[in-house]
Amino acid sequence: MLAATKHGAERAIAGALDWWREAGVDCAFNDEPQPWLAEEEPEQVPQTGAAPLARQPIASPPVELPKIGGDKAAWPQDLAAFDAWWMNEPSLDTGLRIPPRGPASAKLMVLVEQPEAQDSASLLSGPQGKLLSGILQAMDIAQDEVRFAAVLPCFTPSPDWQTLSASGIGDLLLHHLQISAPQRLIVFGSNIPPLLGHDPAQSPANLPDFNHEGRIIPLLADRSLDALTRAKAKSAFWQRWLDWSGT
């Protein structure tokens, strides 16, 4: 009798399991919540009773950029020597370098951001140079009275001026201006005035003079020579030149 009762119970349990299995339920479920994620380890508090130490991110050491021109003490103090150094200094751009030209203490120094793409042996010998020649002729200034110079030695598409400034190109430019000692200075290019210490938030028109180590040079800053191909821009520049030069 006991064996029959046990056998009947087993059949009932097996039948119930078969019923749930056919219904798609083949796992046991529990209503009690179970932790799935590992608990966070408590921060270790120093035994002295001080507050827990905050985790500080490890800052990467600043990358020091190589200085353009190398050691300042070795920079030439003579303009002729500087022009030769400009063509051979290893830290300058290794592309096709175009030398500056013109005398020291020139009646006028014209400074551009970089050589033209068409320049080969002479600075500003392309379309911008032809435009400039016409401007100088209208100003009644001869070519041999002008010092022509560029901030960069080579034509460079889309220069990284921020990196160039951090690498010391501005210091080299100031040295070039100091030993050139022109009577007047015209700057073409919006990236040049900040290298001369001008606040980039202000218009270049608000930079009437260049003052460096006690020497003051009258300065006229404008957009690039390419911008002067437009009649309106050329007319505005010419009016500024007349006011600046007192002509």
C-alpha atoms as a PDB file:
ATOM      1  CA  MET A   1       0.000   0.000   0.000  1.00  0.00           C
ATOM      2  CA  LEU A   2       2.858   2.392   0.886  1.00  0.00           C
ATOM      3  CA  ALA A   3       4.722   1.523  -2.306  1.00  0.00           C
ATOM      4  CA  ALA A   4       1.644   2.234  -4.400  1.00  0.00           C
ATOM      5  CA  THR A   5       1.167   5.618  -2.731  1.00  0.00           C
ATOM      6  CA  LYS A   6       4.847   6.511  -3.358  1.00  0.00           C
ATOM      7  CA  HIS A   7       4.594   5.426  -6.980  1.00  0.00           C
ATOM      8  CA  GLY A   8       1.482   7.565  -7.471  1.00  0.00           C
ATOM      9  CA  ALA A   9       3.205  10.636  -6.010  1.00  0.00           C
ATOM     10  CA  GLU A  10       6.157  10.238  -8.334  1.00  0.00           C
ATOM     11  CA  ARG A  11       3.806   9.988 -11.324  1.00  0.00           C
ATOM     12  CA  ALA A  12       2.013  13.138 -10.200  1.00  0.00           C
ATOM     13  CA  ILE A  13       5.249  15.090  -9.819  1.00  0.00           C
ATOM     14  CA  ALA A  14       6.527  13.875 -13.199  1.00  0.00           C
ATOM     15  CA  GLY A  15       3.259  14.855 -14.820  1.00  0.00           C
ATOM     16  CA  ALA A  16       3.405  18.330 -13.316  1.00  0.00           C
ATOM     17  CA  LEU A  17       6.971  18.833 -14.565  1.00  0.00           C
ATOM     18  CA  ASP A  18       5.960  17.635 -18.039  1.00  0.00           C
ATOM     19  CA  TRP A  19       3.083  20.117 -18.045  1.00  0.00           C
ATOM     20  CA  TRP A  20       5.361  23.074 -17.200  1.00  0.00           C
ATOM     21  CA  ARG A  21       8.005  21.900 -19.635  1.00  0.00           C
ATOM     22  CA  GLU A  22       5.442  21.842 -22.456  1.00  0.00           C
ATOM     23  CA  ALA A  23       4.410  25.348 -21.411  1.00  0.00           C
ATOM     24  CA  GLY A  24       8.003  26.513 -22.032  1.00  0.00           C
ATOM     25  CA  VAL A  25       9.116  26.780 -18.442  1.00  0.00           C
ATOM     26  CA  ASP A  26      12.268  24.744 -17.939  1.00  0.00           C
ATOM     27  CA  CYS A  27      14.013  26.686 -15.155  1.00  0.00           C
ATOM     28  CA  ALA A  28      13.357  27.253 -11.483  1.00  0.00           C
ATOM     29  CA  PHE A  29      12.455  30.801 -10.460  1.00  0.00           C
ATOM     30  CA  ASN A  30      12.959  32.576  -7.168  1.00  0.00           C
ATOM     31  CA  ASP A  31      11.247  35.786  -6.060  1.00  0.00           C
ATOM     32  CA  GLU A  32      14.065  36.691  -3.696  1.00  0.00           C
ATOM     33  CA  PRO A  33      16.354  39.456  -5.141  1.00  0.00           C
ATOM     34  CA  GLN A  34      19.904  38.309  -5.833  1.00  0.00           C
ATOM     35  CA  PRO A  35      22.991  40.611  -6.221  1.00  0.00           C
ATOM     36  CA  TRP A  36      24.377  40.358  -9.749  1.00  0.00           C
ATOM     37  CA  LEU A  37      27.215  42.924  -9.484  1.00  0.00           C
ATOM     38  CA  ALA A  38      30.157  42.703  -7.156  1.00  0.00           C
ATOM     39  CA  GLU A  39      29.953  45.104  -4.268  1.00  0.00           C
ATOM     40  CA  GLU A  40      32.344  48.090  -4.407  1.00  0.00           C
ATOM     41  CA  GLU A  41      35.272  47.864  -2.105  1.00  0.00           C
ATOM     42  CA  PRO A  42      35.176  50.563   0.570  1.00  0.00           C
ATOM     43  CA  GLU A  43      37.885  53.210   0.288  1.00  0.00           C
ATOM     44  CA  GLN A  44      40.747  52.660   2.625  1.00  0.00           C
ATOM     45  CA  VAL A  45      40.841  55.277   5.340  1.00  0.00           C
ATOM     46  CA  PRO A  46      44.269  56.058   6.792  1.00  0.00           C
ATOM     47  CA  GLN A  47      44.627  54.827  10.324  1.00  0.00           C
ATOM     48  CA  THR A  48      45.396  58.359  11.489  1.00  0.00           C
ATOM     49  CA  GLY A  49      41.720  59.216  11.097  1.00  0.00           C
ATOM     50  CA  ALA A  50      42.320  61.590   8.176  1.00  0.00           C
ATOM     51  CA  ALA A  51      39.874  61.827   5.281  1.00  0.00           C
ATOM     52  CA  PRO A  52      40.233  59.313   2.442  1.00  0.00           C
ATOM     53  CA  LEU A  53      42.822  60.278  -0.146  1.00  0.00           C
ATOM     54  CA  ALA A  54      41.238  61.389  -3.433  1.00  0.00           C
ATOM     55  CA  ARG A  55      42.499  59.746  -6.570  1.00  0.00           C
ATOM     56  CA  GLN A  56      44.301  62.372  -8.671  1.00  0.00           C
ATOM     57  CA  PRO A  57      44.642  61.895 -12.439  1.00  0.00           C
ATOM     58  CA  ILE A  58      48.216  61.656 -13.631  1.00  0.00           C
ATOM     59  CA  ALA A  59      48.921  64.642 -15.872  1.00  0.00           C
ATOM     60  CA  SER A  60      51.015  64.083 -18.961  1.00  0.00           C
ATOM     61  CA  PRO A  61      54.245  66.093 -18.978  1.00  0.00           C
ATOM     62  CA  PRO A  62      54.103  69.061 -21.380  1.00  0.00           C
ATOM     63  CA  VAL A  63      55.741  68.467 -24.735  1.00  0.00           C
ATOM     64  CA  GLU A  64      58.492  71.002 -25.358  1.00  0.00           C
ATOM     65  CA  LEU A  65      58.604  72.020 -29.004  1.00  0.00           C
ATOM     66  CA  PRO A  66      62.017  72.459 -30.649  1.00  0.00           C
ATOM     67  CA  LYS A  67      62.855  76.146 -30.991  1.00  0.00           C
ATOM     68  CA  ILE A  68      62.993  77.577 -34.482  1.00  0.00           C
ATOM     69  CA  GLY A  69      66.391  79.082 -35.159  1.00  0.00           C
ATOM     70  CA  GLY A  70      68.152  77.210 -32.370  1.00  0.00           C
ATOM     71  CA  ASP A  71      70.209  79.146 -29.837  1.00  0.00           C
ATOM     72  CA  LYS A  72      69.401  82.883 -29.921  1.00  0.00           C
ATOM     73  CA  ALA A  73      72.958  83.716 -28.954  1.00  0.00           C
ATOM     74  CA  ALA A  74      74.107  82.275 -32.285  1.00  0.00           C
ATOM     75  CA  TRP A  75      71.760  84.377 -34.422  1.00  0.00           C
ATOM     76  CA  PRO A  76      73.651  86.638 -36.854  1.00  0.00           C
ATOM     77  CA  GLN A  77      73.770  90.307 -35.917  1.00  0.00           C
ATOM     78  CA  ASP A  78      74.617  91.458 -39.446  1.00  0.00           C
ATOM     79  CA  LEU A  79      71.910  91.528 -42.127  1.00  0.00           C
ATOM     80  CA  ALA A  80      74.041  89.974 -44.879  1.00  0.00           C
ATOM     81  CA  ALA A  81      75.074  87.168 -42.527  1.00  0.00           C
ATOM     82  CA  PHE A  82      71.450  86.715 -41.490  1.00  0.00           C
ATOM     83  CA  ASP A  83      70.304  86.274 -45.095  1.00  0.00           C
ATOM     84  CA  ALA A  84      72.910  83.550 -45.615  1.00  0.00           C
ATOM     85  CA  TRP A  85      72.007  81.910 -42.285  1.00  0.00           C
ATOM     86  CA  TRP A  86      68.319  82.021 -43.292  1.00  0.00           C
ATOM     87  CA  MET A  87      69.093  79.734 -46.223  1.00  0.00           C
ATOM     88  CA  ASN A  88      71.129  77.177 -44.248  1.00  0.00           C
ATOM     89  CA  GLU A  89      69.831  77.002 -40.649  1.00  0.00           C
ATOM     90  CA  PRO A  90      68.727  73.346 -40.096  1.00  0.00           C
ATOM     91  CA  SER A  91      65.825  74.195 -37.752  1.00  0.00           C
ATOM     92  CA  LEU A  92      63.999  76.176 -40.445  1.00  0.00           C
ATOM     93  CA  ASP A  93      61.683  74.567 -42.983  1.00  0.00           C
ATOM     94  CA  THR A  94      63.621  72.265 -45.293  1.00  0.00           C
ATOM     95  CA  GLY A  95      61.537  73.037 -48.381  1.00  0.00           C
ATOM     96  CA  LEU A  96      62.453  75.464 -51.155  1.00  0.00           C
ATOM     97  CA  ARG A  97      63.670  78.465 -49.173  1.00  0.00           C
ATOM     98  CA  ILE A  98      63.379  81.949 -50.630  1.00  0.00           C
ATOM     99  CA  PRO A  99      65.778  84.517 -49.148  1.00  0.00           C
ATOM    100  CA  PRO A 100      64.776  88.012 -48.081  1.00  0.00           C
ATOM    101  CA  ARG A 101      66.162  90.834 -50.176  1.00  0.00           C
ATOM    102  CA  GLY A 102      66.906  94.511 -49.831  1.00  0.00           C
ATOM    103  CA  PRO A 103      69.213  96.735 -47.810  1.00  0.00           C
ATOM    104  CA  ALA A 104      69.460  97.454 -44.107  1.00  0.00           C
ATOM    105  CA  SER A 105      67.894 100.710 -42.895  1.00  0.00           C
ATOM    106  CA  ALA A 106      65.652 100.636 -45.948  1.00  0.00           C
ATOM    107  CA  LYS A 107      63.217 103.433 -46.658  1.00  0.00           C
ATOM    108  CA  LEU A 108      60.457 100.823 -46.364  1.00  0.00           C
ATOM    109  CA  MET A 109      60.288  97.193 -45.303  1.00  0.00           C
ATOM    110  CA  VAL A 110      57.477  95.012 -46.690  1.00  0.00           C
ATOM    111  CA  LEU A 111      56.722  91.917 -44.631  1.00  0.00           C
ATOM    112  CA  VAL A 112      54.481  89.061 -45.787  1.00  0.00           C
ATOM    113  CA  GLU A 113      53.546  85.777 -44.134  1.00  0.00           C
ATOM    114  CA  GLN A 114      55.349  83.505 -46.600  1.00  0.00           C
ATOM    115  CA  PRO A 115      56.764  83.371 -50.119  1.00  0.00           C
ATOM    116  CA  GLU A 116      54.404  82.953 -53.032  1.00  0.00           C
ATOM    117  CA  ALA A 117      53.821  79.502 -54.478  1.00  0.00           C
ATOM    118  CA  GLN A 118      55.356  80.787 -57.738  1.00  0.00           C
ATOM    119  CA  ASP A 119      58.543  82.111 -56.106  1.00  0.00           C
ATOM    120  CA  SER A 120      61.723  80.292 -57.028  1.00  0.00           C
ATOM    121  CA  ALA A 121      64.829  82.474 -56.756  1.00  0.00           C
ATOM    122  CA  SER A 122      63.363  85.809 -55.699  1.00  0.00           C
ATOM    123  CA  LEU A 123      60.821  86.659 -52.999  1.00  0.00           C
ATOM    124  CA  LEU A 124      57.522  88.073 -54.298  1.00  0.00           C
ATOM    125  CA  SER A 125      58.209  87.384 -57.938  1.00  0.00           C
ATOM    126  CA  GLY A 126      54.713  86.006 -58.647  1.00  0.00           C
ATOM    127  CA  PRO A 127      51.298  87.692 -58.996  1.00  0.00           C
ATOM    128  CA  GLN A 128      51.446  89.217 -55.504  1.00  0.00           C
ATOM    129  CA  GLY A 129      54.857  90.676 -56.283  1.00  0.00           C
ATOM    130  CA  LYS A 130      53.562  92.247 -59.495  1.00  0.00           C
ATOM    131  CA  LEU A 131      50.701  93.829 -57.556  1.00  0.00           C
ATOM    132  CA  LEU A 132      53.152  95.096 -54.957  1.00  0.00           C
ATOM    133  CA  SER A 133      55.411  96.548 -57.648  1.00  0.00           C
ATOM    134  CA  GLY A 134      52.487  98.601 -58.915  1.00  0.00           C
ATOM    135  CA  ILE A 135      51.714  99.807 -55.396  1.00  0.00           C
ATOM    136  CA  LEU A 136      55.327 100.844 -54.780  1.00  0.00           C
ATOM    137  CA  GLN A 137      55.442 102.638 -58.099  1.00  0.00           C
ATOM    138  CA  ALA A 138      52.315 104.581 -57.134  1.00  0.00           C
ATOM    139  CA  MET A 139      53.982 105.376 -53.794  1.00  0.00           C
ATOM    140  CA  ASP A 140      57.035 106.651 -55.714  1.00  0.00           C
ATOM    141  CA  ILE A 141      59.305 104.200 -53.893  1.00  0.00           C
ATOM    142  CA  ALA A 142      62.008 102.409 -55.874  1.00  0.00           C
ATOM    143  CA  GLN A 143      62.498  98.643 -55.507  1.00  0.00           C
ATOM    144  CA  ASP A 144      66.086  99.042 -54.292  1.00  0.00           C
ATOM    145  CA  GLU A 145      64.844 101.241 -51.421  1.00  0.00           C
ATOM    146  CA  VAL A 146      62.722  98.403 -50.040  1.00  0.00           C
ATOM    147  CA  ARG A 147      63.557  95.440 -47.822  1.00  0.00           C
ATOM    148  CA  PHE A 148      61.335  92.465 -48.784  1.00  0.00           C
ATOM    149  CA  ALA A 149      60.930  89.715 -46.172  1.00  0.00           C
ATOM    150  CA  ALA A 150      58.648  86.843 -45.187  1.00  0.00           C
ATOM    151  CA  VAL A 151      57.982  85.307 -41.776  1.00  0.00           C
ATOM    152  CA  LEU A 152      58.424  81.796 -43.192  1.00  0.00           C
ATOM    153  CA  PRO A 153      61.320  80.792 -45.443  1.00  0.00           C
ATOM    154  CA  CYS A 154      59.219  78.495 -47.671  1.00  0.00           C
ATOM    155  CA  PHE A 155      55.779  78.483 -49.215  1.00  0.00           C
ATOM    156  CA  THR A 156      53.627  76.413 -46.842  1.00  0.00           C
ATOM    157  CA  PRO A 157      49.964  75.578 -47.581  1.00  0.00           C
ATOM    158  CA  SER A 158      47.842  76.254 -44.456  1.00  0.00           C
ATOM    159  CA  PRO A 159      50.634  76.923 -41.923  1.00  0.00           C
ATOM    160  CA  ASP A 160      49.949  76.029 -38.280  1.00  0.00           C
ATOM    161  CA  TRP A 161      50.552  79.512 -36.865  1.00  0.00           C
ATOM    162  CA  GLN A 162      49.783  78.497 -33.291  1.00  0.00           C
ATOM    163  CA  THR A 163      52.507  75.845 -33.309  1.00  0.00           C
ATOM    164  CA  LEU A 164      54.897  78.163 -35.159  1.00  0.00           C
ATOM    165  CA  SER A 165      54.356  80.848 -32.537  1.00  0.00           C
ATOM    166  CA  ALA A 166      54.927  78.360 -29.711  1.00  0.00           C
ATOM    167  CA  SER A 167      58.137  77.257 -31.446  1.00  0.00           C
ATOM    168  CA  GLY A 168      59.556  80.785 -31.392  1.00  0.00           C
ATOM    169  CA  ILE A 169      58.985  82.072 -34.925  1.00  0.00           C
ATOM    170  CA  GLY A 170      57.928  85.411 -33.399  1.00  0.00           C
ATOM    171  CA  ASP A 171      61.277  85.850 -31.622  1.00  0.00           C
ATOM    172  CA  LEU A 172      63.118  85.197 -34.868  1.00  0.00           C
ATOM    173  CA  LEU A 173      60.929  87.747 -36.655  1.00  0.00           C
ATOM    174  CA  LEU A 174      61.644  90.388 -33.996  1.00  0.00           C
ATOM    175  CA  HIS A 175      65.372  89.773 -34.394  1.00  0.00           C
ATOM    176  CA  HIS A 176      65.083  90.122 -38.162  1.00  0.00           C
ATOM    177  CA  LEU A 177      63.281  93.448 -37.788  1.00  0.00           C
ATOM    178  CA  GLN A 178      65.825  94.687 -35.267  1.00  0.00           C
ATOM    179  CA  ILE A 179      68.851  94.118 -37.491  1.00  0.00           C
ATOM    180  CA  SER A 180      66.972  95.315 -40.609  1.00  0.00           C
ATOM    181  CA  ALA A 181      66.145  98.638 -38.885  1.00  0.00           C
ATOM    182  CA  PRO A 182      63.806  99.971 -41.603  1.00  0.00           C
ATOM    183  CA  GLN A 183      62.453 103.513 -41.546  1.00  0.00           C
ATOM    184  CA  ARG A 184      58.897 102.305 -42.122  1.00  0.00           C
ATOM    185  CA  LEU A 185      57.192  98.908 -42.068  1.00  0.00           C
ATOM    186  CA  ILE A 186      54.204  97.580 -44.023  1.00  0.00           C
ATOM    187  CA  VAL A 187      52.791  94.213 -42.977  1.00  0.00           C
ATOM    188  CA  PHE A 188      50.544  92.128 -45.232  1.00  0.00           C
ATOM    189  CA  GLY A 189      48.806  89.233 -43.457  1.00  0.00           C
ATOM    190  CA  SER A 190      46.577  88.887 -40.392  1.00  0.00           C
ATOM    191  CA  ASN A 191      48.855  86.280 -38.761  1.00  0.00           C
ATOM    192  CA  ILE A 192      51.805  88.658 -38.444  1.00  0.00           C
ATOM    193  CA  PRO A 193      50.617  91.335 -35.936  1.00  0.00           C
ATOM    194  CA  PRO A 194      50.173  88.783 -33.084  1.00  0.00           C
ATOM    195  CA  LEU A 195      53.814  87.769 -33.590  1.00  0.00           C
ATOM    196  CA  LEU A 196      54.736  91.422 -33.027  1.00  0.00           C
ATOM    197  CA  GLY A 197      52.891  91.520 -29.699  1.00  0.00           C
ATOM    198  CA  HIS A 198      49.591  92.854 -31.024  1.00  0.00           C
ATOM    199  CA  ASP A 199      46.345  91.694 -29.398  1.00  0.00           C
ATOM    200  CA  PRO A 200      44.651  89.469 -32.027  1.00  0.00           C
ATOM    201  CA  ALA A 201      41.239  90.575 -30.747  1.00  0.00           C
ATOM    202  CA  GLN A 202      41.932  94.078 -32.067  1.00  0.00           C
ATOM    203  CA  SER A 203      42.093  95.223 -35.655  1.00  0.00           C
ATOM    204  CA  PRO A 204      45.590  95.522 -37.170  1.00  0.00           C
ATOM    205  CA  ALA A 205      44.665  99.138 -37.886  1.00  0.00           C
ATOM    206  CA  ASN A 206      45.075  99.743 -34.142  1.00  0.00           C
ATOM    207  CA  LEU A 207      48.795  98.958 -34.389  1.00  0.00           C
ATOM    208  CA  PRO A 208      50.253 102.289 -35.578  1.00  0.00           C
ATOM    209  CA  ASP A 209      53.847 101.634 -34.489  1.00  0.00           C
ATOM    210  CA  PHE A 210      56.230  98.792 -33.881  1.00  0.00           C
ATOM    211  CA  ASN A 211      58.143  99.299 -30.657  1.00  0.00           C
ATOM    212  CA  HIS A 212      60.936  96.875 -29.832  1.00  0.00           C
ATOM    213  CA  GLU A 213      63.843  97.426 -27.441  1.00  0.00           C
ATOM    214  CA  GLY A 214      63.492 101.177 -27.577  1.00  0.00           C
ATOM    215  CA  ARG A 215      63.228 101.445 -31.352  1.00  0.00           C
ATOM    216  CA  ILE A 216      59.908 102.743 -32.728  1.00  0.00           C
ATOM    217  CA  ILE A 217      59.077 102.054 -36.382  1.00  0.00           C
ATOM    218  CA  PRO A 218      55.911 103.450 -38.005  1.00  0.00           C
ATOM    219  CA  LEU A 219      53.828 100.451 -39.049  1.00  0.00           C
ATOM    220  CA  LEU A 220      50.942  99.942 -41.468  1.00  0.00           C
ATOM    221  CA  ALA A 221      49.242  96.543 -41.222  1.00  0.00           C
ATOM    222  CA  ASP A 222      46.705  95.235 -43.688  1.00  0.00           C
ATOM    223  CA  ARG A 223      45.271  92.037 -45.066  1.00  0.00           C
ATOM    224  CA  SER A 224      47.157  89.825 -47.470  1.00  0.00           C
ATOM    225  CA  LEU A 225      48.217  91.081 -50.861  1.00  0.00           C
ATOM    226  CA  ASP A 226      45.672  88.702 -52.391  1.00  0.00           C
ATOM    227  CA  ALA A 227      42.907  90.729 -50.732  1.00  0.00           C
ATOM    228  CA  LEU A 228      44.102  93.866 -52.523  1.00  0.00           C
ATOM    229  CA  THR A 229      43.122  92.417 -55.880  1.00  0.00           C
ATOM    230  CA  ARG A 230      39.610  93.643 -55.062  1.00  0.00           C
ATOM    231  CA  ALA A 231      39.069  97.271 -56.026  1.00  0.00           C
ATOM    232  CA  LYS A 232      37.324  98.205 -52.770  1.00  0.00           C
ATOM    233  CA  ALA A 233      40.098  96.727 -50.615  1.00  0.00           C
ATOM    234  CA  LYS A 234      42.781  98.381 -52.738  1.00  0.00           C
ATOM    235  CA  SER A 235      41.057 101.769 -52.436  1.00  0.00           C
ATOM    236  CA  ALA A 236      40.771 101.420 -48.636  1.00  0.00           C
ATOM    237  CA  PHE A 237      44.451 100.471 -48.344  1.00  0.00           C
ATOM    238  CA  TRP A 238      45.508 103.378 -50.501  1.00  0.00           C
ATOM    239  CA  GLN A 239      43.560 105.836 -48.342  1.00  0.00           C
ATOM    240  CA  ARG A 240      45.176 104.374 -45.224  1.00  0.00           C
ATOM    241  CA  TRP A 241      48.598 104.750 -46.853  1.00  0.00           C
ATOM    242  CA  LEU A 242      47.944 108.419 -47.648  1.00  0.00           C
ATOM    243  CA  ASP A 243      46.861 109.106 -44.065  1.00  0.00           C
ATOM    244  CA  TRP A 244      49.759 107.098 -42.604  1.00  0.00           C
ATOM    245  CA  SER A 245      52.487 108.561 -44.783  1.00  0.00           C
ATOM    246  CA  GLY A 246      51.156 112.115 -44.675  1.00  0.00           C
ATOM    247  CA  THR A 247      51.199 112.240 -48.460  1.00  0.00           C
END
